[in-house]
């Protein structure tokens, strides 16, 4: 049957429009279900598991820290208890070449040999700005482009390393320009400015998989708006007492925010007097391994497990003792 209209091109155009609509719907559905808005897919070992056991392992990779970094990498031979090692280094502006560093490659290879998956992470802020050509200034936390650069670079590096996820540590360390946030209470205007910048960055680059810190017993703490940079939120509060959740102080989120811990932090020491005294008590290895995560899950159903961290100088010995089940 003949027609005065070119049916073929019209059908092609309609089909193309339908594909665009379906693609947009797919992206929207993915975002609503917690998937990154762009770049990377959710790895089942992180998002499908209900008993996650993560280890935070920092490699500073400075000339005067390489001996300790090497000790940490070698101690990863004892990390079999963990499902994932979150391998962390300094910000991309401080250590842009870190992904190619021999110790990073050795750490990844060791984890792979032990059957432990790797998450690649960085500190967000420049901790020691000396020698950094263009360190972020005091207002960088209000700039969406700063987060976009960090997230996109992190994702490329994670893919190069064969990591199953990405992680950002947004705590201000060292002498970074954002250190003032740690020492003062955020105003409503501060919190809104950070949240708006984070929302714009996530819209452009997608979130990272893991984010820390994400909450505080203080409503005015800087962590609350940064939590929205990641999908799985890492809390760090079990150092209060070995009873963990039973003695946890009340945590009340600011209006419009949510306390949603997906991974519960366990600060581990060696049982020394300085580890068990003071306001920030560290659990012994035996206490940490005996923690009943189900207690936390009853209070926070979204909790998927724990993440363990230790002081940088203690981590090798903690791991060696961990392999012996915490026995002296």
C-alpha atoms as a PDB file:
ATOM      1  CA  UNK A   1       0.000   0.000   0.000  1.00  0.00           C
ATOM      2  CA  UNK A   2       1.430   3.350  -0.973  1.00  0.00           C
ATOM      3  CA  UNK A   3       1.418   6.432   1.265  1.00  0.00           C
ATOM      4  CA  UNK A   4       2.124  10.091   0.806  1.00  0.00           C
ATOM      5  CA  UNK A   5       4.209  10.039   4.032  1.00  0.00           C
ATOM      6  CA  UNK A   6       7.665   8.374   4.363  1.00  0.00           C
ATOM      7  CA  UNK A   7       6.665   5.750   6.912  1.00  0.00           C
ATOM      8  CA  UNK A   8      10.179   4.230   7.323  1.00  0.00           C
ATOM      9  CA  UNK A   9      11.902   7.361   8.673  1.00  0.00           C
ATOM     10  CA  UNK A  10       8.947   8.115  10.967  1.00  0.00           C
ATOM     11  CA  UNK A  11       9.065   4.618  12.490  1.00  0.00           C
ATOM     12  CA  UNK A  12      12.818   4.893  12.980  1.00  0.00           C
ATOM     13  CA  UNK A  13      12.381   8.231  14.714  1.00  0.00           C
ATOM     14  CA  UNK A  14       9.669   6.809  16.970  1.00  0.00           C
ATOM     15  CA  UNK A  15      11.835   3.815  17.835  1.00  0.00           C
ATOM     16  CA  UNK A  16      14.735   6.099  18.691  1.00  0.00           C
ATOM     17  CA  UNK A  17      12.543   8.222  20.958  1.00  0.00           C
ATOM     18  CA  UNK A  18      11.293   5.064  22.685  1.00  0.00           C
ATOM     19  CA  UNK A  19      14.866   3.937  23.343  1.00  0.00           C
ATOM     20  CA  UNK A  20      15.712   7.311  24.870  1.00  0.00           C
ATOM     21  CA  UNK A  21      12.662   7.132  27.137  1.00  0.00           C
ATOM     22  CA  UNK A  22      13.526   3.593  28.260  1.00  0.00           C
ATOM     23  CA  UNK A  23      17.145   4.568  28.918  1.00  0.00           C
ATOM     24  CA  UNK A  24      16.075   7.532  31.002  1.00  0.00           C
ATOM     25  CA  UNK A  25      13.645   5.351  32.928  1.00  0.00           C
ATOM     26  CA  UNK A  26      16.409   2.827  33.531  1.00  0.00           C
ATOM     27  CA  UNK A  27      18.732   5.492  34.906  1.00  0.00           C
ATOM     28  CA  UNK A  28      15.982   6.818  37.164  1.00  0.00           C
ATOM     29  CA  UNK A  29      15.150   3.340  38.434  1.00  0.00           C
ATOM     30  CA  UNK A  30      18.818   2.662  39.114  1.00  0.00           C
ATOM     31  CA  UNK A  31      19.186   5.874  41.104  1.00  0.00           C
ATOM     32  CA  UNK A  32      16.029   5.195  43.089  1.00  0.00           C
ATOM     33  CA  UNK A  33      17.419   1.781  44.025  1.00  0.00           C
ATOM     34  CA  UNK A  34      20.756   3.194  45.140  1.00  0.00           C
ATOM     35  CA  UNK A  35      22.871   2.568  42.052  1.00  0.00           C
ATOM     36  CA  UNK A  36      25.445   5.133  40.986  1.00  0.00           C
ATOM     37  CA  UNK A  37      23.965   7.808  38.741  1.00  0.00           C
ATOM     38  CA  UNK A  38      26.885   7.465  36.344  1.00  0.00           C
ATOM     39  CA  UNK A  39      29.918   5.231  36.120  1.00  0.00           C
ATOM     40  CA  UNK A  40      30.418   1.900  37.821  1.00  0.00           C
ATOM     41  CA  UNK A  41      27.936  -0.778  38.850  1.00  0.00           C
ATOM     42  CA  UNK A  42      27.048  -2.095  42.276  1.00  0.00           C
ATOM     43  CA  UNK A  43      29.197  -5.126  43.029  1.00  0.00           C
ATOM     44  CA  UNK A  44      27.256  -7.994  44.631  1.00  0.00           C
ATOM     45  CA  UNK A  45      30.027  -8.639  47.160  1.00  0.00           C
ATOM     46  CA  UNK A  46      29.253  -5.215  48.667  1.00  0.00           C
ATOM     47  CA  UNK A  47      25.550  -4.762  47.983  1.00  0.00           C
ATOM     48  CA  UNK A  48      24.329  -8.347  48.129  1.00  0.00           C
ATOM     49  CA  UNK A  49      26.115  -9.471  51.293  1.00  0.00           C
ATOM     50  CA  UNK A  50      24.610  -9.291  54.785  1.00  0.00           C
ATOM     51  CA  UNK A  51      27.765 -10.096  56.776  1.00  0.00           C
ATOM     52  CA  UNK A  52      30.382  -7.645  55.594  1.00  0.00           C
ATOM     53  CA  UNK A  53      33.721  -7.492  57.420  1.00  0.00           C
ATOM     54  CA  UNK A  54      35.857  -4.658  56.097  1.00  0.00           C
ATOM     55  CA  UNK A  55      39.375  -3.613  57.045  1.00  0.00           C
ATOM     56  CA  UNK A  56      40.525  -0.002  56.653  1.00  0.00           C
ATOM     57  CA  UNK A  57      44.208  -0.093  55.596  1.00  0.00           C
ATOM     58  CA  UNK A  58      45.961   3.253  55.077  1.00  0.00           C
ATOM     59  CA  UNK A  59      49.105   3.579  52.956  1.00  0.00           C
ATOM     60  CA  UNK A  60      50.598   7.074  53.298  1.00  0.00           C
ATOM     61  CA  UNK A  61      53.322   6.464  50.669  1.00  0.00           C
ATOM     62  CA  UNK A  62      55.670   9.232  51.808  1.00  0.00           C
ATOM     63  CA  UNK A  63      59.414   8.707  51.836  1.00  0.00           C
ATOM     64  CA  UNK A  64      59.484   8.606  55.629  1.00  0.00           C
ATOM     65  CA  UNK A  65      56.499   6.234  55.907  1.00  0.00           C
ATOM     66  CA  UNK A  66      57.434   3.576  53.369  1.00  0.00           C
ATOM     67  CA  UNK A  67      58.782   1.181  55.998  1.00  0.00           C
ATOM     68  CA  UNK A  68      55.466   1.273  57.875  1.00  0.00           C
ATOM     69  CA  UNK A  69      53.492   1.064  54.622  1.00  0.00           C
ATOM     70  CA  UNK A  70      55.501  -2.017  53.676  1.00  0.00           C
ATOM     71  CA  UNK A  71      54.788  -3.591  57.064  1.00  0.00           C
ATOM     72  CA  UNK A  72      51.067  -2.994  56.562  1.00  0.00           C
ATOM     73  CA  UNK A  73      51.122  -4.547  53.095  1.00  0.00           C
ATOM     74  CA  UNK A  74      52.993  -7.604  54.361  1.00  0.00           C
ATOM     75  CA  UNK A  75      50.532  -7.946  57.252  1.00  0.00           C
ATOM     76  CA  UNK A  76      47.666  -8.256  54.770  1.00  0.00           C
ATOM     77  CA  UNK A  77      48.727 -11.901  54.537  1.00  0.00           C
ATOM     78  CA  UNK A  78      46.770 -12.204  57.812  1.00  0.00           C
ATOM     79  CA  UNK A  79      43.561 -10.538  56.560  1.00  0.00           C
ATOM     80  CA  UNK A  80      41.628 -13.706  55.712  1.00  0.00           C
ATOM     81  CA  UNK A  81      38.902 -12.995  58.306  1.00  0.00           C
ATOM     82  CA  UNK A  82      37.801  -9.940  56.321  1.00  0.00           C
ATOM     83  CA  UNK A  83      35.570  -9.949  53.265  1.00  0.00           C
ATOM     84  CA  UNK A  84      37.118  -6.733  51.906  1.00  0.00           C
ATOM     85  CA  UNK A  85      40.166  -4.565  52.450  1.00  0.00           C
ATOM     86  CA  UNK A  86      39.488  -0.869  51.965  1.00  0.00           C
ATOM     87  CA  UNK A  87      42.875   0.203  50.647  1.00  0.00           C
ATOM     88  CA  UNK A  88      43.218   3.928  51.326  1.00  0.00           C
ATOM     89  CA  UNK A  89      45.826   6.541  50.486  1.00  0.00           C
ATOM     90  CA  UNK A  90      46.111  10.321  50.521  1.00  0.00           C
ATOM     91  CA  UNK A  91      44.146  12.668  48.260  1.00  0.00           C
ATOM     92  CA  UNK A  92      44.675  12.511  44.513  1.00  0.00           C
ATOM     93  CA  UNK A  93      46.359  15.923  44.585  1.00  0.00           C
ATOM     94  CA  UNK A  94      48.948  14.716  47.105  1.00  0.00           C
ATOM     95  CA  UNK A  95      49.573  11.258  45.683  1.00  0.00           C
ATOM     96  CA  UNK A  96      48.370  11.335  42.055  1.00  0.00           C
ATOM     97  CA  UNK A  97      50.653   8.421  41.164  1.00  0.00           C
ATOM     98  CA  UNK A  98      49.587   6.197  44.085  1.00  0.00           C
ATOM     99  CA  UNK A  99      47.612   3.769  41.915  1.00  0.00           C
ATOM    100  CA  UNK A 100      50.885   2.789  40.211  1.00  0.00           C
ATOM    101  CA  UNK A 101      52.961   2.536  43.389  1.00  0.00           C
ATOM    102  CA  UNK A 102      54.576  -0.902  43.851  1.00  0.00           C
ATOM    103  CA  UNK A 103      53.225  -1.213  47.405  1.00  0.00           C
ATOM    104  CA  UNK A 104      49.670  -0.554  46.233  1.00  0.00           C
ATOM    105  CA  UNK A 105      50.038  -3.183  43.511  1.00  0.00           C
ATOM    106  CA  UNK A 106      51.537  -5.615  46.028  1.00  0.00           C
ATOM    107  CA  UNK A 107      48.666  -4.986  48.449  1.00  0.00           C
ATOM    108  CA  UNK A 108      46.089  -5.698  45.737  1.00  0.00           C
ATOM    109  CA  UNK A 109      47.926  -8.867  44.689  1.00  0.00           C
ATOM    110  CA  UNK A 110      48.143 -10.087  48.294  1.00  0.00           C
ATOM    111  CA  UNK A 111      44.433  -9.553  48.873  1.00  0.00           C
ATOM    112  CA  UNK A 112      43.593 -11.329  45.647  1.00  0.00           C
ATOM    113  CA  UNK A 113      45.780 -14.268  46.651  1.00  0.00           C
ATOM    114  CA  UNK A 114      44.040 -14.482  50.034  1.00  0.00           C
ATOM    115  CA  UNK A 115      40.590 -14.323  48.448  1.00  0.00           C
ATOM    116  CA  UNK A 116      39.825 -10.898  49.923  1.00  0.00           C
ATOM    117  CA  UNK A 117      38.240  -8.262  47.701  1.00  0.00           C
ATOM    118  CA  UNK A 118      39.641  -4.743  47.439  1.00  0.00           C
ATOM    119  CA  UNK A 119      37.855  -1.401  47.673  1.00  0.00           C
ATOM    120  CA  UNK A 120      39.987   1.539  46.503  1.00  0.00           C
ATOM    121  CA  UNK A 121      39.800   4.707  48.569  1.00  0.00           C
ATOM    122  CA  UNK A 122      41.367   8.092  49.165  1.00  0.00           C
ATOM    123  CA  UNK A 123      41.245  10.905  51.653  1.00  0.00           C
ATOM    124  CA  UNK A 124      39.195  13.662  50.087  1.00  0.00           C
ATOM    125  CA  UNK A 125      41.116  16.646  51.452  1.00  0.00           C
ATOM    126  CA  UNK A 126      44.776  17.561  51.036  1.00  0.00           C
ATOM    127  CA  UNK A 127      46.213  16.871  54.485  1.00  0.00           C
ATOM    128  CA  UNK A 128      49.669  18.351  53.934  1.00  0.00           C
ATOM    129  CA  UNK A 129      49.444  21.128  51.317  1.00  0.00           C
ATOM    130  CA  UNK A 130      53.193  21.813  51.138  1.00  0.00           C
ATOM    131  CA  UNK A 131      54.328  20.924  47.642  1.00  0.00           C
ATOM    132  CA  UNK A 132      50.788  20.670  46.228  1.00  0.00           C
ATOM    133  CA  UNK A 133      50.480  23.138  43.351  1.00  0.00           C
ATOM    134  CA  UNK A 134      46.812  24.043  43.799  1.00  0.00           C
ATOM    135  CA  UNK A 135      45.460  22.697  47.110  1.00  0.00           C
ATOM    136  CA  UNK A 136      41.751  23.178  47.839  1.00  0.00           C
ATOM    137  CA  UNK A 137      41.037  26.394  49.700  1.00  0.00           C
ATOM    138  CA  UNK A 138      38.837  26.968  52.739  1.00  0.00           C
ATOM    139  CA  UNK A 139      35.690  27.153  50.594  1.00  0.00           C
ATOM    140  CA  UNK A 140      36.331  24.048  48.456  1.00  0.00           C
ATOM    141  CA  UNK A 141      33.639  22.133  50.345  1.00  0.00           C
ATOM    142  CA  UNK A 142      31.080  24.418  48.671  1.00  0.00           C
ATOM    143  CA  UNK A 143      32.371  23.654  45.153  1.00  0.00           C
ATOM    144  CA  UNK A 144      30.654  20.736  43.347  1.00  0.00           C
ATOM    145  CA  UNK A 145      33.454  20.495  40.779  1.00  0.00           C
ATOM    146  CA  UNK A 146      35.934  19.568  43.511  1.00  0.00           C
ATOM    147  CA  UNK A 147      33.921  16.469  44.424  1.00  0.00           C
ATOM    148  CA  UNK A 148      33.278  15.603  40.773  1.00  0.00           C
ATOM    149  CA  UNK A 149      37.015  15.515  40.004  1.00  0.00           C
ATOM    150  CA  UNK A 150      37.737  13.379  43.059  1.00  0.00           C
ATOM    151  CA  UNK A 151      34.955  10.872  42.362  1.00  0.00           C
ATOM    152  CA  UNK A 152      35.704  10.457  38.667  1.00  0.00           C
ATOM    153  CA  UNK A 153      39.410   9.980  39.242  1.00  0.00           C
ATOM    154  CA  UNK A 154      38.765   7.521  42.057  1.00  0.00           C
ATOM    155  CA  UNK A 155      36.480   5.451  39.872  1.00  0.00           C
ATOM    156  CA  UNK A 156      39.028   5.266  37.028  1.00  0.00           C
ATOM    157  CA  UNK A 157      41.742   4.186  39.472  1.00  0.00           C
ATOM    158  CA  UNK A 158      39.507   1.560  41.056  1.00  0.00           C
ATOM    159  CA  UNK A 159      38.783   0.071  37.657  1.00  0.00           C
ATOM    160  CA  UNK A 160      42.495  -0.009  36.835  1.00  0.00           C
ATOM    161  CA  UNK A 161      43.211  -1.880  40.073  1.00  0.00           C
ATOM    162  CA  UNK A 162      40.327  -4.309  39.614  1.00  0.00           C
ATOM    163  CA  UNK A 163      38.704  -3.061  42.831  1.00  0.00           C
ATOM    164  CA  UNK A 164      35.059  -3.872  43.512  1.00  0.00           C
ATOM    165  CA  UNK A 165      34.176  -0.444  44.872  1.00  0.00           C
ATOM    166  CA  UNK A 166      35.232   3.092  45.758  1.00  0.00           C
ATOM    167  CA  UNK A 167      35.600   4.882  49.085  1.00  0.00           C
ATOM    168  CA  UNK A 168      36.078   8.471  50.232  1.00  0.00           C
ATOM    169  CA  UNK A 169      37.265   9.496  53.669  1.00  0.00           C
ATOM    170  CA  UNK A 170      36.065  13.071  54.146  1.00  0.00           C
ATOM    171  CA  UNK A 171      37.494  13.603  57.624  1.00  0.00           C
ATOM    172  CA  UNK A 172      39.847  16.619  57.610  1.00  0.00           C
ATOM    173  CA  UNK A 173      43.318  15.360  58.564  1.00  0.00           C
ATOM    174  CA  UNK A 174      46.685  17.014  59.017  1.00  0.00           C
ATOM    175  CA  UNK A 175      46.818  20.682  58.073  1.00  0.00           C
ATOM    176  CA  UNK A 176      44.059  20.729  55.479  1.00  0.00           C
ATOM    177  CA  UNK A 177      42.110  23.923  54.896  1.00  0.00           C
ATOM    178  CA  UNK A 178      38.888  22.230  56.015  1.00  0.00           C
ATOM    179  CA  UNK A 179      40.254  21.445  59.481  1.00  0.00           C
ATOM    180  CA  UNK A 180      38.208  24.356  60.869  1.00  0.00           C
ATOM    181  CA  UNK A 181      35.023  22.352  60.149  1.00  0.00           C
ATOM    182  CA  UNK A 182      36.163  19.757  62.639  1.00  0.00           C
ATOM    183  CA  UNK A 183      36.579  22.305  65.409  1.00  0.00           C
ATOM    184  CA  UNK A 184      33.315  24.187  65.106  1.00  0.00           C
ATOM    185  CA  UNK A 185      29.582  23.655  64.803  1.00  0.00           C
ATOM    186  CA  UNK A 186      28.084  23.941  61.334  1.00  0.00           C
ATOM    187  CA  UNK A 187      25.328  26.488  60.939  1.00  0.00           C
ATOM    188  CA  UNK A 188      22.187  25.683  58.979  1.00  0.00           C
ATOM    189  CA  UNK A 189      23.592  27.769  56.120  1.00  0.00           C
ATOM    190  CA  UNK A 190      26.899  25.849  56.178  1.00  0.00           C
ATOM    191  CA  UNK A 191      25.088  22.525  56.109  1.00  0.00           C
ATOM    192  CA  UNK A 192      22.833  23.583  53.251  1.00  0.00           C
ATOM    193  CA  UNK A 193      25.763  24.874  51.169  1.00  0.00           C
ATOM    194  CA  UNK A 194      27.654  21.586  51.559  1.00  0.00           C
ATOM    195  CA  UNK A 195      24.564  19.506  50.907  1.00  0.00           C
ATOM    196  CA  UNK A 196      23.754  21.468  47.730  1.00  0.00           C
ATOM    197  CA  UNK A 197      27.324  21.077  46.444  1.00  0.00           C
ATOM    198  CA  UNK A 198      27.302  17.351  47.232  1.00  0.00           C
ATOM    199  CA  UNK A 199      23.932  16.873  45.505  1.00  0.00           C
ATOM    200  CA  UNK A 200      25.169  18.602  42.350  1.00  0.00           C
ATOM    201  CA  UNK A 201      28.351  16.519  42.338  1.00  0.00           C
ATOM    202  CA  UNK A 202      26.464  13.238  42.766  1.00  0.00           C
ATOM    203  CA  UNK A 203      24.108  14.217  39.969  1.00  0.00           C
ATOM    204  CA  UNK A 204      27.088  14.764  37.654  1.00  0.00           C
ATOM    205  CA  UNK A 205      29.499  12.022  38.715  1.00  0.00           C
ATOM    206  CA  UNK A 206      27.438   9.550  40.732  1.00  0.00           C
ATOM    207  CA  UNK A 207      28.176   8.604  44.348  1.00  0.00           C
ATOM    208  CA  UNK A 208      31.051   6.539  45.654  1.00  0.00           C
ATOM    209  CA  UNK A 209      30.249   3.155  47.173  1.00  0.00           C
ATOM    210  CA  UNK A 210      31.515   3.770  50.711  1.00  0.00           C
ATOM    211  CA  UNK A 211      31.678   7.039  52.638  1.00  0.00           C
ATOM    212  CA  UNK A 212      33.056   8.010  56.050  1.00  0.00           C
ATOM    213  CA  UNK A 213      32.293   9.760  58.405  1.00  0.00           C
ATOM    214  CA  UNK A 214      28.528   9.964  58.112  1.00  0.00           C
ATOM    215  CA  UNK A 215      27.060  10.954  61.483  1.00  0.00           C
ATOM    216  CA  UNK A 216      27.758  12.166  64.983  1.00  0.00           C
ATOM    217  CA  UNK A 217      26.111  12.490  68.359  1.00  0.00           C
ATOM    218  CA  UNK A 218      26.271  16.231  67.564  1.00  0.00           C
ATOM    219  CA  UNK A 219      23.655  17.538  65.150  1.00  0.00           C
ATOM    220  CA  UNK A 220      25.996  20.369  64.143  1.00  0.00           C
ATOM    221  CA  UNK A 221      28.824  18.019  63.126  1.00  0.00           C
ATOM    222  CA  UNK A 222      30.287  18.363  59.615  1.00  0.00           C
ATOM    223  CA  UNK A 223      29.728  14.679  58.753  1.00  0.00           C
ATOM    224  CA  UNK A 224      25.967  14.847  58.165  1.00  0.00           C
ATOM    225  CA  UNK A 225      25.888  16.566  54.721  1.00  0.00           C
ATOM    226  CA  UNK A 226      28.940  14.654  53.437  1.00  0.00           C
ATOM    227  CA  UNK A 227      27.201  11.319  54.059  1.00  0.00           C
ATOM    228  CA  UNK A 228      25.273  11.814  50.837  1.00  0.00           C
ATOM    229  CA  UNK A 229      28.460  11.444  48.764  1.00  0.00           C
ATOM    230  CA  UNK A 230      28.234   7.665  49.184  1.00  0.00           C
ATOM    231  CA  UNK A 231      25.764   4.796  49.040  1.00  0.00           C
ATOM    232  CA  UNK A 232      26.973   2.689  51.968  1.00  0.00           C
ATOM    233  CA  UNK A 233      27.585   4.726  55.108  1.00  0.00           C
ATOM    234  CA  UNK A 234      30.370   3.847  57.521  1.00  0.00           C
ATOM    235  CA  UNK A 235      29.853   4.823  61.165  1.00  0.00           C
ATOM    236  CA  UNK A 236      32.552   4.753  63.824  1.00  0.00           C
ATOM    237  CA  UNK A 237      31.062   4.556  67.290  1.00  0.00           C
ATOM    238  CA  UNK A 238      31.704   1.132  68.817  1.00  0.00           C
ATOM    239  CA  UNK A 239      34.789   2.414  70.604  1.00  0.00           C
ATOM    240  CA  UNK A 240      32.629   3.660  73.498  1.00  0.00           C
ATOM    241  CA  UNK A 241      32.601   0.309  75.313  1.00  0.00           C
ATOM    242  CA  UNK A 242      32.909  -3.362  74.381  1.00  0.00           C
ATOM    243  CA  UNK A 243      29.109  -3.608  74.792  1.00  0.00           C
ATOM    244  CA  UNK A 244      28.880  -1.481  71.646  1.00  0.00           C
ATOM    245  CA  UNK A 245      25.276  -0.632  70.885  1.00  0.00           C
ATOM    246  CA  UNK A 246      24.115  -1.094  74.465  1.00  0.00           C
ATOM    247  CA  UNK A 247      26.108   1.959  75.580  1.00  0.00           C
ATOM    248  CA  UNK A 248      25.868   4.021  72.433  1.00  0.00           C
ATOM    249  CA  UNK A 249      24.819   7.600  73.147  1.00  0.00           C
ATOM    250  CA  UNK A 250      21.642   8.809  71.439  1.00  0.00           C
ATOM    251  CA  UNK A 251      22.247   9.963  67.878  1.00  0.00           C
ATOM    252  CA  UNK A 252      19.758  12.515  66.614  1.00  0.00           C
ATOM    253  CA  UNK A 253      20.155  13.629  63.024  1.00  0.00           C
ATOM    254  CA  UNK A 254      19.589  17.258  62.061  1.00  0.00           C
ATOM    255  CA  UNK A 255      16.224  18.046  60.531  1.00  0.00           C
ATOM    256  CA  UNK A 256      16.065  16.655  57.002  1.00  0.00           C
ATOM    257  CA  UNK A 257      18.922  14.162  57.534  1.00  0.00           C
ATOM    258  CA  UNK A 258      18.935  10.489  58.403  1.00  0.00           C
ATOM    259  CA  UNK A 259      21.160   8.352  60.593  1.00  0.00           C
ATOM    260  CA  UNK A 260      21.559   5.275  58.413  1.00  0.00           C
ATOM    261  CA  UNK A 261      24.630   3.227  59.386  1.00  0.00           C
ATOM    262  CA  UNK A 262      25.347   0.461  56.892  1.00  0.00           C
ATOM    263  CA  UNK A 263      28.708  -0.513  58.393  1.00  0.00           C
ATOM    264  CA  UNK A 264      29.568  -0.196  62.047  1.00  0.00           C
ATOM    265  CA  UNK A 265      33.074   0.949  62.937  1.00  0.00           C
ATOM    266  CA  UNK A 266      35.225  -1.067  65.327  1.00  0.00           C
ATOM    267  CA  UNK A 267      38.323   0.708  66.625  1.00  0.00           C
ATOM    268  CA  UNK A 268      40.794  -1.995  67.656  1.00  0.00           C
ATOM    269  CA  UNK A 269      43.866  -1.758  69.868  1.00  0.00           C
ATOM    270  CA  UNK A 270      46.279  -4.139  71.563  1.00  0.00           C
ATOM    271  CA  UNK A 271      44.832  -4.028  75.078  1.00  0.00           C
ATOM    272  CA  UNK A 272      47.409  -1.528  76.355  1.00  0.00           C
ATOM    273  CA  UNK A 273      46.398   0.923  79.126  1.00  0.00           C
ATOM    274  CA  UNK A 274      46.293   3.768  76.614  1.00  0.00           C
ATOM    275  CA  UNK A 275      43.946   1.693  74.446  1.00  0.00           C
ATOM    276  CA  UNK A 276      41.315   1.085  77.116  1.00  0.00           C
ATOM    277  CA  UNK A 277      41.399   4.374  79.009  1.00  0.00           C
ATOM    278  CA  UNK A 278      40.077   7.786  78.031  1.00  0.00           C
ATOM    279  CA  UNK A 279      37.038   8.820  75.978  1.00  0.00           C
ATOM    280  CA  UNK A 280      37.939   6.853  72.828  1.00  0.00           C
ATOM    281  CA  UNK A 281      38.349   3.330  74.055  1.00  0.00           C
ATOM    282  CA  UNK A 282      39.623   0.696  71.661  1.00  0.00           C
ATOM    283  CA  UNK A 283      38.322  -2.847  71.713  1.00  0.00           C
ATOM    284  CA  UNK A 284      40.703  -5.744  72.038  1.00  0.00           C
ATOM    285  CA  UNK A 285      40.872  -8.135  69.111  1.00  0.00           C
ATOM    286  CA  UNK A 286      38.942 -10.785  71.031  1.00  0.00           C
ATOM    287  CA  UNK A 287      36.218  -8.268  71.905  1.00  0.00           C
ATOM    288  CA  UNK A 288      36.016  -7.047  68.318  1.00  0.00           C
ATOM    289  CA  UNK A 289      35.667 -10.530  66.897  1.00  0.00           C
ATOM    290  CA  UNK A 290      33.013 -11.400  69.485  1.00  0.00           C
ATOM    291  CA  UNK A 291      30.794  -8.392  68.722  1.00  0.00           C
ATOM    292  CA  UNK A 292      27.240  -9.452  67.956  1.00  0.00           C
ATOM    293  CA  UNK A 293      26.335  -7.500  64.836  1.00  0.00           C
ATOM    294  CA  UNK A 294      22.757  -8.744  65.177  1.00  0.00           C
ATOM    295  CA  UNK A 295      22.369  -6.410  68.167  1.00  0.00           C
ATOM    296  CA  UNK A 296      23.127  -3.477  65.909  1.00  0.00           C
ATOM    297  CA  UNK A 297      20.912  -4.814  63.138  1.00  0.00           C
ATOM    298  CA  UNK A 298      17.966  -4.916  65.503  1.00  0.00           C
ATOM    299  CA  UNK A 299      18.372  -1.206  66.133  1.00  0.00           C
ATOM    300  CA  UNK A 300      19.515  -0.371  62.607  1.00  0.00           C
ATOM    301  CA  UNK A 301      18.069  -2.908  60.120  1.00  0.00           C
ATOM    302  CA  UNK A 302      20.138  -1.416  57.280  1.00  0.00           C
ATOM    303  CA  UNK A 303      23.400  -2.432  58.989  1.00  0.00           C
ATOM    304  CA  UNK A 304      25.307  -4.915  56.797  1.00  0.00           C
ATOM    305  CA  UNK A 305      28.291  -5.601  59.045  1.00  0.00           C
ATOM    306  CA  UNK A 306      31.397  -4.002  60.508  1.00  0.00           C
ATOM    307  CA  UNK A 307      34.520  -2.223  59.407  1.00  0.00           C
ATOM    308  CA  UNK A 308      37.653  -2.494  61.503  1.00  0.00           C
ATOM    309  CA  UNK A 309      40.295   0.172  61.859  1.00  0.00           C
ATOM    310  CA  UNK A 310      43.401   0.615  63.987  1.00  0.00           C
ATOM    311  CA  UNK A 311      46.008   3.299  64.477  1.00  0.00           C
ATOM    312  CA  UNK A 312      48.395   3.498  61.523  1.00  0.00           C
ATOM    313  CA  UNK A 313      51.367   2.371  63.606  1.00  0.00           C
ATOM    314  CA  UNK A 314      49.436  -0.500  65.234  1.00  0.00           C
ATOM    315  CA  UNK A 315      47.802  -2.089  62.196  1.00  0.00           C
ATOM    316  CA  UNK A 316      50.540  -4.625  61.307  1.00  0.00           C
ATOM    317  CA  UNK A 317      50.612  -6.034  64.842  1.00  0.00           C
ATOM    318  CA  UNK A 318      46.812  -5.987  65.076  1.00  0.00           C
ATOM    319  CA  UNK A 319      46.604  -8.066  61.900  1.00  0.00           C
ATOM    320  CA  UNK A 320      49.266 -10.530  63.038  1.00  0.00           C
ATOM    321  CA  UNK A 321      47.429 -11.067  66.323  1.00  0.00           C
ATOM    322  CA  UNK A 322      44.064 -11.172  64.563  1.00  0.00           C
ATOM    323  CA  UNK A 323      45.261 -14.174  62.619  1.00  0.00           C
ATOM    324  CA  UNK A 324      45.860 -15.908  65.963  1.00  0.00           C
ATOM    325  CA  UNK A 325      42.259 -15.223  66.955  1.00  0.00           C
ATOM    326  CA  UNK A 326      43.283 -12.466  69.329  1.00  0.00           C
ATOM    327  CA  UNK A 327      45.193 -14.803  71.621  1.00  0.00           C
ATOM    328  CA  UNK A 328      48.482 -13.445  73.098  1.00  0.00           C
END
